[in-house]
Amino acid sequence: YKINLKKINQTVKQGDLLFEIDFE
């Protein structure tokens, strides 16, 4: 699997996309 971080080292709101997981 590969983790694609969408939000890091920043303030986020509830429900924001944090990361995406790409599976094989």
PDBML (XML) file of the C-alpha atoms, coordinates in Angstrom:
<?xml version="1.0" encoding="UTF-8" ?>
<PDBx:datablock datablockName="MODEL"
   xmlns:PDBx="http://pdbml.pdb.org/schema/pdbx-v50.xsd"
   xmlns:xsi="http://www.w3.org/2001/XMLSchema-instance"
   xsi:schemaLocation="http://pdbml.pdb.org/schema/pdbx-v50.xsd pdbx-v50.xsd">
   <PDBx:atom_siteCategory>
      <PDBx:atom_site id="1">
         <PDBx:B_iso_or_equiv>0.00</PDBx:B_iso_or_equiv>
         <PDBx:Cartn_x>0.000</PDBx:Cartn_x>
         <PDBx:Cartn_y>0.000</PDBx:Cartn_y>
         <PDBx:Cartn_z>0.000</PDBx:Cartn_z>
         <PDBx:auth_asym_id>A</PDBx:auth_asym_id>
         <PDBx:auth_atom_id>CA</PDBx:auth_atom_id>
         <PDBx:auth_comp_id>TYR</PDBx:auth_comp_id>
         <PDBx:auth_seq_id>1</PDBx:auth_seq_id>
         <PDBx:group_PDB>ATOM</PDBx:group_PDB>
         <PDBx:label_alt_id xsi:nil="true" />
         <PDBx:label_asym_id>A</PDBx:label_asym_id>
         <PDBx:label_atom_id>CA</PDBx:label_atom_id>
         <PDBx:label_comp_id>TYR</PDBx:label_comp_id>
         <PDBx:label_entity_id>1</PDBx:label_entity_id>
         <PDBx:label_seq_id>1</PDBx:label_seq_id>
         <PDBx:occupancy>1.00</PDBx:occupancy>
         <PDBx:pdbx_PDB_model_num>1</PDBx:pdbx_PDB_model_num>
         <PDBx:type_symbol>C</PDBx:type_symbol>
      </PDBx:atom_site>
      <PDBx:atom_site id="2">
         <PDBx:B_iso_or_equiv>0.00</PDBx:B_iso_or_equiv>
         <PDBx:Cartn_x>1.022</PDBx:Cartn_x>
         <PDBx:Cartn_y>3.576</PDBx:Cartn_y>
         <PDBx:Cartn_z>-0.502</PDBx:Cartn_z>
         <PDBx:auth_asym_id>A</PDBx:auth_asym_id>
         <PDBx:auth_atom_id>CA</PDBx:auth_atom_id>
         <PDBx:auth_comp_id>LYS</PDBx:auth_comp_id>
         <PDBx:auth_seq_id>2</PDBx:auth_seq_id>
         <PDBx:group_PDB>ATOM</PDBx:group_PDB>
         <PDBx:label_alt_id xsi:nil="true" />
         <PDBx:label_asym_id>A</PDBx:label_asym_id>
         <PDBx:label_atom_id>CA</PDBx:label_atom_id>
         <PDBx:label_comp_id>LYS</PDBx:label_comp_id>
         <PDBx:label_entity_id>1</PDBx:label_entity_id>
         <PDBx:label_seq_id>2</PDBx:label_seq_id>
         <PDBx:occupancy>1.00</PDBx:occupancy>
         <PDBx:pdbx_PDB_model_num>1</PDBx:pdbx_PDB_model_num>
         <PDBx:type_symbol>C</PDBx:type_symbol>
      </PDBx:atom_site>
      <PDBx:atom_site id="3">
         <PDBx:B_iso_or_equiv>0.00</PDBx:B_iso_or_equiv>
         <PDBx:Cartn_x>-0.038</PDBx:Cartn_x>
         <PDBx:Cartn_y>6.461</PDBx:Cartn_y>
         <PDBx:Cartn_z>1.712</PDBx:Cartn_z>
         <PDBx:auth_asym_id>A</PDBx:auth_asym_id>
         <PDBx:auth_atom_id>CA</PDBx:auth_atom_id>
         <PDBx:auth_comp_id>ILE</PDBx:auth_comp_id>
         <PDBx:auth_seq_id>3</PDBx:auth_seq_id>
         <PDBx:group_PDB>ATOM</PDBx:group_PDB>
         <PDBx:label_alt_id xsi:nil="true" />
         <PDBx:label_asym_id>A</PDBx:label_asym_id>
         <PDBx:label_atom_id>CA</PDBx:label_atom_id>
         <PDBx:label_comp_id>ILE</PDBx:label_comp_id>
         <PDBx:label_entity_id>1</PDBx:label_entity_id>
         <PDBx:label_seq_id>3</PDBx:label_seq_id>
         <PDBx:occupancy>1.00</PDBx:occupancy>
         <PDBx:pdbx_PDB_model_num>1</PDBx:pdbx_PDB_model_num>
         <PDBx:type_symbol>C</PDBx:type_symbol>
      </PDBx:atom_site>
      <PDBx:atom_site id="4">
         <PDBx:B_iso_or_equiv>0.00</PDBx:B_iso_or_equiv>
         <PDBx:Cartn_x>-0.651</PDBx:Cartn_x>
         <PDBx:Cartn_y>9.776</PDBx:Cartn_y>
         <PDBx:Cartn_z>0.010</PDBx:Cartn_z>
         <PDBx:auth_asym_id>A</PDBx:auth_asym_id>
         <PDBx:auth_atom_id>CA</PDBx:auth_atom_id>
         <PDBx:auth_comp_id>ASN</PDBx:auth_comp_id>
         <PDBx:auth_seq_id>4</PDBx:auth_seq_id>
         <PDBx:group_PDB>ATOM</PDBx:group_PDB>
         <PDBx:label_alt_id xsi:nil="true" />
         <PDBx:label_asym_id>A</PDBx:label_asym_id>
         <PDBx:label_atom_id>CA</PDBx:label_atom_id>
         <PDBx:label_comp_id>ASN</PDBx:label_comp_id>
         <PDBx:label_entity_id>1</PDBx:label_entity_id>
         <PDBx:label_seq_id>4</PDBx:label_seq_id>
         <PDBx:occupancy>1.00</PDBx:occupancy>
         <PDBx:pdbx_PDB_model_num>1</PDBx:pdbx_PDB_model_num>
         <PDBx:type_symbol>C</PDBx:type_symbol>
      </PDBx:atom_site>
      <PDBx:atom_site id="5">
         <PDBx:B_iso_or_equiv>0.00</PDBx:B_iso_or_equiv>
         <PDBx:Cartn_x>-0.723</PDBx:Cartn_x>
         <PDBx:Cartn_y>12.486</PDBx:Cartn_y>
         <PDBx:Cartn_z>2.671</PDBx:Cartn_z>
         <PDBx:auth_asym_id>A</PDBx:auth_asym_id>
         <PDBx:auth_atom_id>CA</PDBx:auth_atom_id>
         <PDBx:auth_comp_id>LEU</PDBx:auth_comp_id>
         <PDBx:auth_seq_id>5</PDBx:auth_seq_id>
         <PDBx:group_PDB>ATOM</PDBx:group_PDB>
         <PDBx:label_alt_id xsi:nil="true" />
         <PDBx:label_asym_id>A</PDBx:label_asym_id>
         <PDBx:label_atom_id>CA</PDBx:label_atom_id>
         <PDBx:label_comp_id>LEU</PDBx:label_comp_id>
         <PDBx:label_entity_id>1</PDBx:label_entity_id>
         <PDBx:label_seq_id>5</PDBx:label_seq_id>
         <PDBx:occupancy>1.00</PDBx:occupancy>
         <PDBx:pdbx_PDB_model_num>1</PDBx:pdbx_PDB_model_num>
         <PDBx:type_symbol>C</PDBx:type_symbol>
      </PDBx:atom_site>
      <PDBx:atom_site id="6">
         <PDBx:B_iso_or_equiv>0.00</PDBx:B_iso_or_equiv>
         <PDBx:Cartn_x>-3.111</PDBx:Cartn_x>
         <PDBx:Cartn_y>15.308</PDBx:Cartn_y>
         <PDBx:Cartn_z>1.837</PDBx:Cartn_z>
         <PDBx:auth_asym_id>A</PDBx:auth_asym_id>
         <PDBx:auth_atom_id>CA</PDBx:auth_atom_id>
         <PDBx:auth_comp_id>LYS</PDBx:auth_comp_id>
         <PDBx:auth_seq_id>6</PDBx:auth_seq_id>
         <PDBx:group_PDB>ATOM</PDBx:group_PDB>
         <PDBx:label_alt_id xsi:nil="true" />
         <PDBx:label_asym_id>A</PDBx:label_asym_id>
         <PDBx:label_atom_id>CA</PDBx:label_atom_id>
         <PDBx:label_comp_id>LYS</PDBx:label_comp_id>
         <PDBx:label_entity_id>1</PDBx:label_entity_id>
         <PDBx:label_seq_id>6</PDBx:label_seq_id>
         <PDBx:occupancy>1.00</PDBx:occupancy>
         <PDBx:pdbx_PDB_model_num>1</PDBx:pdbx_PDB_model_num>
         <PDBx:type_symbol>C</PDBx:type_symbol>
      </PDBx:atom_site>
      <PDBx:atom_site id="7">
         <PDBx:B_iso_or_equiv>0.00</PDBx:B_iso_or_equiv>
         <PDBx:Cartn_x>-2.815</PDBx:Cartn_x>
         <PDBx:Cartn_y>17.287</PDBx:Cartn_y>
         <PDBx:Cartn_z>5.071</PDBx:Cartn_z>
         <PDBx:auth_asym_id>A</PDBx:auth_asym_id>
         <PDBx:auth_atom_id>CA</PDBx:auth_atom_id>
         <PDBx:auth_comp_id>LYS</PDBx:auth_comp_id>
         <PDBx:auth_seq_id>7</PDBx:auth_seq_id>
         <PDBx:group_PDB>ATOM</PDBx:group_PDB>
         <PDBx:label_alt_id xsi:nil="true" />
         <PDBx:label_asym_id>A</PDBx:label_asym_id>
         <PDBx:label_atom_id>CA</PDBx:label_atom_id>
         <PDBx:label_comp_id>LYS</PDBx:label_comp_id>
         <PDBx:label_entity_id>1</PDBx:label_entity_id>
         <PDBx:label_seq_id>7</PDBx:label_seq_id>
         <PDBx:occupancy>1.00</PDBx:occupancy>
         <PDBx:pdbx_PDB_model_num>1</PDBx:pdbx_PDB_model_num>
         <PDBx:type_symbol>C</PDBx:type_symbol>
      </PDBx:atom_site>
      <PDBx:atom_site id="8">
         <PDBx:B_iso_or_equiv>0.00</PDBx:B_iso_or_equiv>
         <PDBx:Cartn_x>0.274</PDBx:Cartn_x>
         <PDBx:Cartn_y>17.358</PDBx:Cartn_y>
         <PDBx:Cartn_z>7.271</PDBx:Cartn_z>
         <PDBx:auth_asym_id>A</PDBx:auth_asym_id>
         <PDBx:auth_atom_id>CA</PDBx:auth_atom_id>
         <PDBx:auth_comp_id>ILE</PDBx:auth_comp_id>
         <PDBx:auth_seq_id>8</PDBx:auth_seq_id>
         <PDBx:group_PDB>ATOM</PDBx:group_PDB>
         <PDBx:label_alt_id xsi:nil="true" />
         <PDBx:label_asym_id>A</PDBx:label_asym_id>
         <PDBx:label_atom_id>CA</PDBx:label_atom_id>
         <PDBx:label_comp_id>ILE</PDBx:label_comp_id>
         <PDBx:label_entity_id>1</PDBx:label_entity_id>
         <PDBx:label_seq_id>8</PDBx:label_seq_id>
         <PDBx:occupancy>1.00</PDBx:occupancy>
         <PDBx:pdbx_PDB_model_num>1</PDBx:pdbx_PDB_model_num>
         <PDBx:type_symbol>C</PDBx:type_symbol>
      </PDBx:atom_site>
      <PDBx:atom_site id="9">
         <PDBx:B_iso_or_equiv>0.00</PDBx:B_iso_or_equiv>
         <PDBx:Cartn_x>1.837</PDBx:Cartn_x>
         <PDBx:Cartn_y>19.835</PDBx:Cartn_y>
         <PDBx:Cartn_z>9.721</PDBx:Cartn_z>
         <PDBx:auth_asym_id>A</PDBx:auth_asym_id>
         <PDBx:auth_atom_id>CA</PDBx:auth_atom_id>
         <PDBx:auth_comp_id>ASN</PDBx:auth_comp_id>
         <PDBx:auth_seq_id>9</PDBx:auth_seq_id>
         <PDBx:group_PDB>ATOM</PDBx:group_PDB>
         <PDBx:label_alt_id xsi:nil="true" />
         <PDBx:label_asym_id>A</PDBx:label_asym_id>
         <PDBx:label_atom_id>CA</PDBx:label_atom_id>
         <PDBx:label_comp_id>ASN</PDBx:label_comp_id>
         <PDBx:label_entity_id>1</PDBx:label_entity_id>
         <PDBx:label_seq_id>9</PDBx:label_seq_id>
         <PDBx:occupancy>1.00</PDBx:occupancy>
         <PDBx:pdbx_PDB_model_num>1</PDBx:pdbx_PDB_model_num>
         <PDBx:type_symbol>C</PDBx:type_symbol>
      </PDBx:atom_site>
      <PDBx:atom_site id="10">
         <PDBx:B_iso_or_equiv>0.00</PDBx:B_iso_or_equiv>
         <PDBx:Cartn_x>-1.205</PDBx:Cartn_x>
         <PDBx:Cartn_y>22.059</PDBx:Cartn_y>
         <PDBx:Cartn_z>9.541</PDBx:Cartn_z>
         <PDBx:auth_asym_id>A</PDBx:auth_asym_id>
         <PDBx:auth_atom_id>CA</PDBx:auth_atom_id>
         <PDBx:auth_comp_id>GLN</PDBx:auth_comp_id>
         <PDBx:auth_seq_id>10</PDBx:auth_seq_id>
         <PDBx:group_PDB>ATOM</PDBx:group_PDB>
         <PDBx:label_alt_id xsi:nil="true" />
         <PDBx:label_asym_id>A</PDBx:label_asym_id>
         <PDBx:label_atom_id>CA</PDBx:label_atom_id>
         <PDBx:label_comp_id>GLN</PDBx:label_comp_id>
         <PDBx:label_entity_id>1</PDBx:label_entity_id>
         <PDBx:label_seq_id>10</PDBx:label_seq_id>
         <PDBx:occupancy>1.00</PDBx:occupancy>
         <PDBx:pdbx_PDB_model_num>1</PDBx:pdbx_PDB_model_num>
         <PDBx:type_symbol>C</PDBx:type_symbol>
      </PDBx:atom_site>
      <PDBx:atom_site id="11">
         <PDBx:B_iso_or_equiv>0.00</PDBx:B_iso_or_equiv>
         <PDBx:Cartn_x>-4.570</PDBx:Cartn_x>
         <PDBx:Cartn_y>22.777</PDBx:Cartn_y>
         <PDBx:Cartn_z>11.116</PDBx:Cartn_z>
         <PDBx:auth_asym_id>A</PDBx:auth_asym_id>
         <PDBx:auth_atom_id>CA</PDBx:auth_atom_id>
         <PDBx:auth_comp_id>THR</PDBx:auth_comp_id>
         <PDBx:auth_seq_id>11</PDBx:auth_seq_id>
         <PDBx:group_PDB>ATOM</PDBx:group_PDB>
         <PDBx:label_alt_id xsi:nil="true" />
         <PDBx:label_asym_id>A</PDBx:label_asym_id>
         <PDBx:label_atom_id>CA</PDBx:label_atom_id>
         <PDBx:label_comp_id>THR</PDBx:label_comp_id>
         <PDBx:label_entity_id>1</PDBx:label_entity_id>
         <PDBx:label_seq_id>11</PDBx:label_seq_id>
         <PDBx:occupancy>1.00</PDBx:occupancy>
         <PDBx:pdbx_PDB_model_num>1</PDBx:pdbx_PDB_model_num>
         <PDBx:type_symbol>C</PDBx:type_symbol>
      </PDBx:atom_site>
      <PDBx:atom_site id="12">
         <PDBx:B_iso_or_equiv>0.00</PDBx:B_iso_or_equiv>
         <PDBx:Cartn_x>-7.499</PDBx:Cartn_x>
         <PDBx:Cartn_y>20.815</PDBx:Cartn_y>
         <PDBx:Cartn_z>9.669</PDBx:Cartn_z>
         <PDBx:auth_asym_id>A</PDBx:auth_asym_id>
         <PDBx:auth_atom_id>CA</PDBx:auth_atom_id>
         <PDBx:auth_comp_id>VAL</PDBx:auth_comp_id>
         <PDBx:auth_seq_id>12</PDBx:auth_seq_id>
         <PDBx:group_PDB>ATOM</PDBx:group_PDB>
         <PDBx:label_alt_id xsi:nil="true" />
         <PDBx:label_asym_id>A</PDBx:label_asym_id>
         <PDBx:label_atom_id>CA</PDBx:label_atom_id>
         <PDBx:label_comp_id>VAL</PDBx:label_comp_id>
         <PDBx:label_entity_id>1</PDBx:label_entity_id>
         <PDBx:label_seq_id>12</PDBx:label_seq_id>
         <PDBx:occupancy>1.00</PDBx:occupancy>
         <PDBx:pdbx_PDB_model_num>1</PDBx:pdbx_PDB_model_num>
         <PDBx:type_symbol>C</PDBx:type_symbol>
      </PDBx:atom_site>
      <PDBx:atom_site id="13">
         <PDBx:B_iso_or_equiv>0.00</PDBx:B_iso_or_equiv>
         <PDBx:Cartn_x>-11.254</PDBx:Cartn_x>
         <PDBx:Cartn_y>20.781</PDBx:Cartn_y>
         <PDBx:Cartn_z>10.062</PDBx:Cartn_z>
         <PDBx:auth_asym_id>A</PDBx:auth_asym_id>
         <PDBx:auth_atom_id>CA</PDBx:auth_atom_id>
         <PDBx:auth_comp_id>LYS</PDBx:auth_comp_id>
         <PDBx:auth_seq_id>13</PDBx:auth_seq_id>
         <PDBx:group_PDB>ATOM</PDBx:group_PDB>
         <PDBx:label_alt_id xsi:nil="true" />
         <PDBx:label_asym_id>A</PDBx:label_asym_id>
         <PDBx:label_atom_id>CA</PDBx:label_atom_id>
         <PDBx:label_comp_id>LYS</PDBx:label_comp_id>
         <PDBx:label_entity_id>1</PDBx:label_entity_id>
         <PDBx:label_seq_id>13</PDBx:label_seq_id>
         <PDBx:occupancy>1.00</PDBx:occupancy>
         <PDBx:pdbx_PDB_model_num>1</PDBx:pdbx_PDB_model_num>
         <PDBx:type_symbol>C</PDBx:type_symbol>
      </PDBx:atom_site>
      <PDBx:atom_site id="14">
         <PDBx:B_iso_or_equiv>0.00</PDBx:B_iso_or_equiv>
         <PDBx:Cartn_x>-13.287</PDBx:Cartn_x>
         <PDBx:Cartn_y>17.740</PDBx:Cartn_y>
         <PDBx:Cartn_z>10.998</PDBx:Cartn_z>
         <PDBx:auth_asym_id>A</PDBx:auth_asym_id>
         <PDBx:auth_atom_id>CA</PDBx:auth_atom_id>
         <PDBx:auth_comp_id>GLN</PDBx:auth_comp_id>
         <PDBx:auth_seq_id>14</PDBx:auth_seq_id>
         <PDBx:group_PDB>ATOM</PDBx:group_PDB>
         <PDBx:label_alt_id xsi:nil="true" />
         <PDBx:label_asym_id>A</PDBx:label_asym_id>
         <PDBx:label_atom_id>CA</PDBx:label_atom_id>
         <PDBx:label_comp_id>GLN</PDBx:label_comp_id>
         <PDBx:label_entity_id>1</PDBx:label_entity_id>
         <PDBx:label_seq_id>14</PDBx:label_seq_id>
         <PDBx:occupancy>1.00</PDBx:occupancy>
         <PDBx:pdbx_PDB_model_num>1</PDBx:pdbx_PDB_model_num>
         <PDBx:type_symbol>C</PDBx:type_symbol>
      </PDBx:atom_site>
      <PDBx:atom_site id="15">
         <PDBx:B_iso_or_equiv>0.00</PDBx:B_iso_or_equiv>
         <PDBx:Cartn_x>-14.082</PDBx:Cartn_x>
         <PDBx:Cartn_y>15.754</PDBx:Cartn_y>
         <PDBx:Cartn_z>7.861</PDBx:Cartn_z>
         <PDBx:auth_asym_id>A</PDBx:auth_asym_id>
         <PDBx:auth_atom_id>CA</PDBx:auth_atom_id>
         <PDBx:auth_comp_id>GLY</PDBx:auth_comp_id>
         <PDBx:auth_seq_id>15</PDBx:auth_seq_id>
         <PDBx:group_PDB>ATOM</PDBx:group_PDB>
         <PDBx:label_alt_id xsi:nil="true" />
         <PDBx:label_asym_id>A</PDBx:label_asym_id>
         <PDBx:label_atom_id>CA</PDBx:label_atom_id>
         <PDBx:label_comp_id>GLY</PDBx:label_comp_id>
         <PDBx:label_entity_id>1</PDBx:label_entity_id>
         <PDBx:label_seq_id>15</PDBx:label_seq_id>
         <PDBx:occupancy>1.00</PDBx:occupancy>
         <PDBx:pdbx_PDB_model_num>1</PDBx:pdbx_PDB_model_num>
         <PDBx:type_symbol>C</PDBx:type_symbol>
      </PDBx:atom_site>
      <PDBx:atom_site id="16">
         <PDBx:B_iso_or_equiv>0.00</PDBx:B_iso_or_equiv>
         <PDBx:Cartn_x>-11.119</PDBx:Cartn_x>
         <PDBx:Cartn_y>17.082</PDBx:Cartn_y>
         <PDBx:Cartn_z>5.864</PDBx:Cartn_z>
         <PDBx:auth_asym_id>A</PDBx:auth_asym_id>
         <PDBx:auth_atom_id>CA</PDBx:auth_atom_id>
         <PDBx:auth_comp_id>ASP</PDBx:auth_comp_id>
         <PDBx:auth_seq_id>16</PDBx:auth_seq_id>
         <PDBx:group_PDB>ATOM</PDBx:group_PDB>
         <PDBx:label_alt_id xsi:nil="true" />
         <PDBx:label_asym_id>A</PDBx:label_asym_id>
         <PDBx:label_atom_id>CA</PDBx:label_atom_id>
         <PDBx:label_comp_id>ASP</PDBx:label_comp_id>
         <PDBx:label_entity_id>1</PDBx:label_entity_id>
         <PDBx:label_seq_id>16</PDBx:label_seq_id>
         <PDBx:occupancy>1.00</PDBx:occupancy>
         <PDBx:pdbx_PDB_model_num>1</PDBx:pdbx_PDB_model_num>
         <PDBx:type_symbol>C</PDBx:type_symbol>
      </PDBx:atom_site>
      <PDBx:atom_site id="17">
         <PDBx:B_iso_or_equiv>0.00</PDBx:B_iso_or_equiv>
         <PDBx:Cartn_x>-9.300</PDBx:Cartn_x>
         <PDBx:Cartn_y>14.472</PDBx:Cartn_y>
         <PDBx:Cartn_z>3.774</PDBx:Cartn_z>
         <PDBx:auth_asym_id>A</PDBx:auth_asym_id>
         <PDBx:auth_atom_id>CA</PDBx:auth_atom_id>
         <PDBx:auth_comp_id>LEU</PDBx:auth_comp_id>
         <PDBx:auth_seq_id>17</PDBx:auth_seq_id>
         <PDBx:group_PDB>ATOM</PDBx:group_PDB>
         <PDBx:label_alt_id xsi:nil="true" />
         <PDBx:label_asym_id>A</PDBx:label_asym_id>
         <PDBx:label_atom_id>CA</PDBx:label_atom_id>
         <PDBx:label_comp_id>LEU</PDBx:label_comp_id>
         <PDBx:label_entity_id>1</PDBx:label_entity_id>
         <PDBx:label_seq_id>17</PDBx:label_seq_id>
         <PDBx:occupancy>1.00</PDBx:occupancy>
         <PDBx:pdbx_PDB_model_num>1</PDBx:pdbx_PDB_model_num>
         <PDBx:type_symbol>C</PDBx:type_symbol>
      </PDBx:atom_site>
      <PDBx:atom_site id="18">
         <PDBx:B_iso_or_equiv>0.00</PDBx:B_iso_or_equiv>
         <PDBx:Cartn_x>-6.165</PDBx:Cartn_x>
         <PDBx:Cartn_y>13.560</PDBx:Cartn_y>
         <PDBx:Cartn_z>5.769</PDBx:Cartn_z>
         <PDBx:auth_asym_id>A</PDBx:auth_asym_id>
         <PDBx:auth_atom_id>CA</PDBx:auth_atom_id>
         <PDBx:auth_comp_id>LEU</PDBx:auth_comp_id>
         <PDBx:auth_seq_id>18</PDBx:auth_seq_id>
         <PDBx:group_PDB>ATOM</PDBx:group_PDB>
         <PDBx:label_alt_id xsi:nil="true" />
         <PDBx:label_asym_id>A</PDBx:label_asym_id>
         <PDBx:label_atom_id>CA</PDBx:label_atom_id>
         <PDBx:label_comp_id>LEU</PDBx:label_comp_id>
         <PDBx:label_entity_id>1</PDBx:label_entity_id>
         <PDBx:label_seq_id>18</PDBx:label_seq_id>
         <PDBx:occupancy>1.00</PDBx:occupancy>
         <PDBx:pdbx_PDB_model_num>1</PDBx:pdbx_PDB_model_num>
         <PDBx:type_symbol>C</PDBx:type_symbol>
      </PDBx:atom_site>
      <PDBx:atom_site id="19">
         <PDBx:B_iso_or_equiv>0.00</PDBx:B_iso_or_equiv>
         <PDBx:Cartn_x>-4.673</PDBx:Cartn_x>
         <PDBx:Cartn_y>10.899</PDBx:Cartn_y>
         <PDBx:Cartn_z>3.542</PDBx:Cartn_z>
         <PDBx:auth_asym_id>A</PDBx:auth_asym_id>
         <PDBx:auth_atom_id>CA</PDBx:auth_atom_id>
         <PDBx:auth_comp_id>PHE</PDBx:auth_comp_id>
         <PDBx:auth_seq_id>19</PDBx:auth_seq_id>
         <PDBx:group_PDB>ATOM</PDBx:group_PDB>
         <PDBx:label_alt_id xsi:nil="true" />
         <PDBx:label_asym_id>A</PDBx:label_asym_id>
         <PDBx:label_atom_id>CA</PDBx:label_atom_id>
         <PDBx:label_comp_id>PHE</PDBx:label_comp_id>
         <PDBx:label_entity_id>1</PDBx:label_entity_id>
         <PDBx:label_seq_id>19</PDBx:label_seq_id>
         <PDBx:occupancy>1.00</PDBx:occupancy>
         <PDBx:pdbx_PDB_model_num>1</PDBx:pdbx_PDB_model_num>
         <PDBx:type_symbol>C</PDBx:type_symbol>
      </PDBx:atom_site>
      <PDBx:atom_site id="20">
         <PDBx:B_iso_or_equiv>0.00</PDBx:B_iso_or_equiv>
         <PDBx:Cartn_x>-5.448</PDBx:Cartn_x>
         <PDBx:Cartn_y>8.492</PDBx:Cartn_y>
         <PDBx:Cartn_z>0.746</PDBx:Cartn_z>
         <PDBx:auth_asym_id>A</PDBx:auth_asym_id>
         <PDBx:auth_atom_id>CA</PDBx:auth_atom_id>
         <PDBx:auth_comp_id>GLU</PDBx:auth_comp_id>
         <PDBx:auth_seq_id>20</PDBx:auth_seq_id>
         <PDBx:group_PDB>ATOM</PDBx:group_PDB>
         <PDBx:label_alt_id xsi:nil="true" />
         <PDBx:label_asym_id>A</PDBx:label_asym_id>
         <PDBx:label_atom_id>CA</PDBx:label_atom_id>
         <PDBx:label_comp_id>GLU</PDBx:label_comp_id>
         <PDBx:label_entity_id>1</PDBx:label_entity_id>
         <PDBx:label_seq_id>20</PDBx:label_seq_id>
         <PDBx:occupancy>1.00</PDBx:occupancy>
         <PDBx:pdbx_PDB_model_num>1</PDBx:pdbx_PDB_model_num>
         <PDBx:type_symbol>C</PDBx:type_symbol>
      </PDBx:atom_site>
      <PDBx:atom_site id="21">
         <PDBx:B_iso_or_equiv>0.00</PDBx:B_iso_or_equiv>
         <PDBx:Cartn_x>-4.429</PDBx:Cartn_x>
         <PDBx:Cartn_y>4.821</PDBx:Cartn_y>
         <PDBx:Cartn_z>0.784</PDBx:Cartn_z>
         <PDBx:auth_asym_id>A</PDBx:auth_asym_id>
         <PDBx:auth_atom_id>CA</PDBx:auth_atom_id>
         <PDBx:auth_comp_id>ILE</PDBx:auth_comp_id>
         <PDBx:auth_seq_id>21</PDBx:auth_seq_id>
         <PDBx:group_PDB>ATOM</PDBx:group_PDB>
         <PDBx:label_alt_id xsi:nil="true" />
         <PDBx:label_asym_id>A</PDBx:label_asym_id>
         <PDBx:label_atom_id>CA</PDBx:label_atom_id>
         <PDBx:label_comp_id>ILE</PDBx:label_comp_id>
         <PDBx:label_entity_id>1</PDBx:label_entity_id>
         <PDBx:label_seq_id>21</PDBx:label_seq_id>
         <PDBx:occupancy>1.00</PDBx:occupancy>
         <PDBx:pdbx_PDB_model_num>1</PDBx:pdbx_PDB_model_num>
         <PDBx:type_symbol>C</PDBx:type_symbol>
      </PDBx:atom_site>
      <PDBx:atom_site id="22">
         <PDBx:B_iso_or_equiv>0.00</PDBx:B_iso_or_equiv>
         <PDBx:Cartn_x>-3.618</PDBx:Cartn_x>
         <PDBx:Cartn_y>3.157</PDBx:Cartn_y>
         <PDBx:Cartn_z>-2.518</PDBx:Cartn_z>
         <PDBx:auth_asym_id>A</PDBx:auth_asym_id>
         <PDBx:auth_atom_id>CA</PDBx:auth_atom_id>
         <PDBx:auth_comp_id>ASP</PDBx:auth_comp_id>
         <PDBx:auth_seq_id>22</PDBx:auth_seq_id>
         <PDBx:group_PDB>ATOM</PDBx:group_PDB>
         <PDBx:label_alt_id xsi:nil="true" />
         <PDBx:label_asym_id>A</PDBx:label_asym_id>
         <PDBx:label_atom_id>CA</PDBx:label_atom_id>
         <PDBx:label_comp_id>ASP</PDBx:label_comp_id>
         <PDBx:label_entity_id>1</PDBx:label_entity_id>
         <PDBx:label_seq_id>22</PDBx:label_seq_id>
         <PDBx:occupancy>1.00</PDBx:occupancy>
         <PDBx:pdbx_PDB_model_num>1</PDBx:pdbx_PDB_model_num>
         <PDBx:type_symbol>C</PDBx:type_symbol>
      </PDBx:atom_site>
      <PDBx:atom_site id="23">
         <PDBx:B_iso_or_equiv>0.00</PDBx:B_iso_or_equiv>
         <PDBx:Cartn_x>-3.792</PDBx:Cartn_x>
         <PDBx:Cartn_y>-0.649</PDBx:Cartn_y>
         <PDBx:Cartn_z>-2.147</PDBx:Cartn_z>
         <PDBx:auth_asym_id>A</PDBx:auth_asym_id>
         <PDBx:auth_atom_id>CA</PDBx:auth_atom_id>
         <PDBx:auth_comp_id>PHE</PDBx:auth_comp_id>
         <PDBx:auth_seq_id>23</PDBx:auth_seq_id>
         <PDBx:group_PDB>ATOM</PDBx:group_PDB>
         <PDBx:label_alt_id xsi:nil="true" />
         <PDBx:label_asym_id>A</PDBx:label_asym_id>
         <PDBx:label_atom_id>CA</PDBx:label_atom_id>
         <PDBx:label_comp_id>PHE</PDBx:label_comp_id>
         <PDBx:label_entity_id>1</PDBx:label_entity_id>
         <PDBx:label_seq_id>23</PDBx:label_seq_id>
         <PDBx:occupancy>1.00</PDBx:occupancy>
         <PDBx:pdbx_PDB_model_num>1</PDBx:pdbx_PDB_model_num>
         <PDBx:type_symbol>C</PDBx:type_symbol>
      </PDBx:atom_site>
      <PDBx:atom_site id="24">
         <PDBx:B_iso_or_equiv>0.00</PDBx:B_iso_or_equiv>
         <PDBx:Cartn_x>-2.527</PDBx:Cartn_x>
         <PDBx:Cartn_y>-3.518</PDBx:Cartn_y>
         <PDBx:Cartn_z>-4.229</PDBx:Cartn_z>
         <PDBx:auth_asym_id>A</PDBx:auth_asym_id>
         <PDBx:auth_atom_id>CA</PDBx:auth_atom_id>
         <PDBx:auth_comp_id>GLU</PDBx:auth_comp_id>
         <PDBx:auth_seq_id>24</PDBx:auth_seq_id>
         <PDBx:group_PDB>ATOM</PDBx:group_PDB>
         <PDBx:label_alt_id xsi:nil="true" />
         <PDBx:label_asym_id>A</PDBx:label_asym_id>
         <PDBx:label_atom_id>CA</PDBx:label_atom_id>
         <PDBx:label_comp_id>GLU</PDBx:label_comp_id>
         <PDBx:label_entity_id>1</PDBx:label_entity_id>
         <PDBx:label_seq_id>24</PDBx:label_seq_id>
         <PDBx:occupancy>1.00</PDBx:occupancy>
         <PDBx:pdbx_PDB_model_num>1</PDBx:pdbx_PDB_model_num>
         <PDBx:type_symbol>C</PDBx:type_symbol>
      </PDBx:atom_site>
   </PDBx:atom_siteCategory>
</PDBx:datablock>
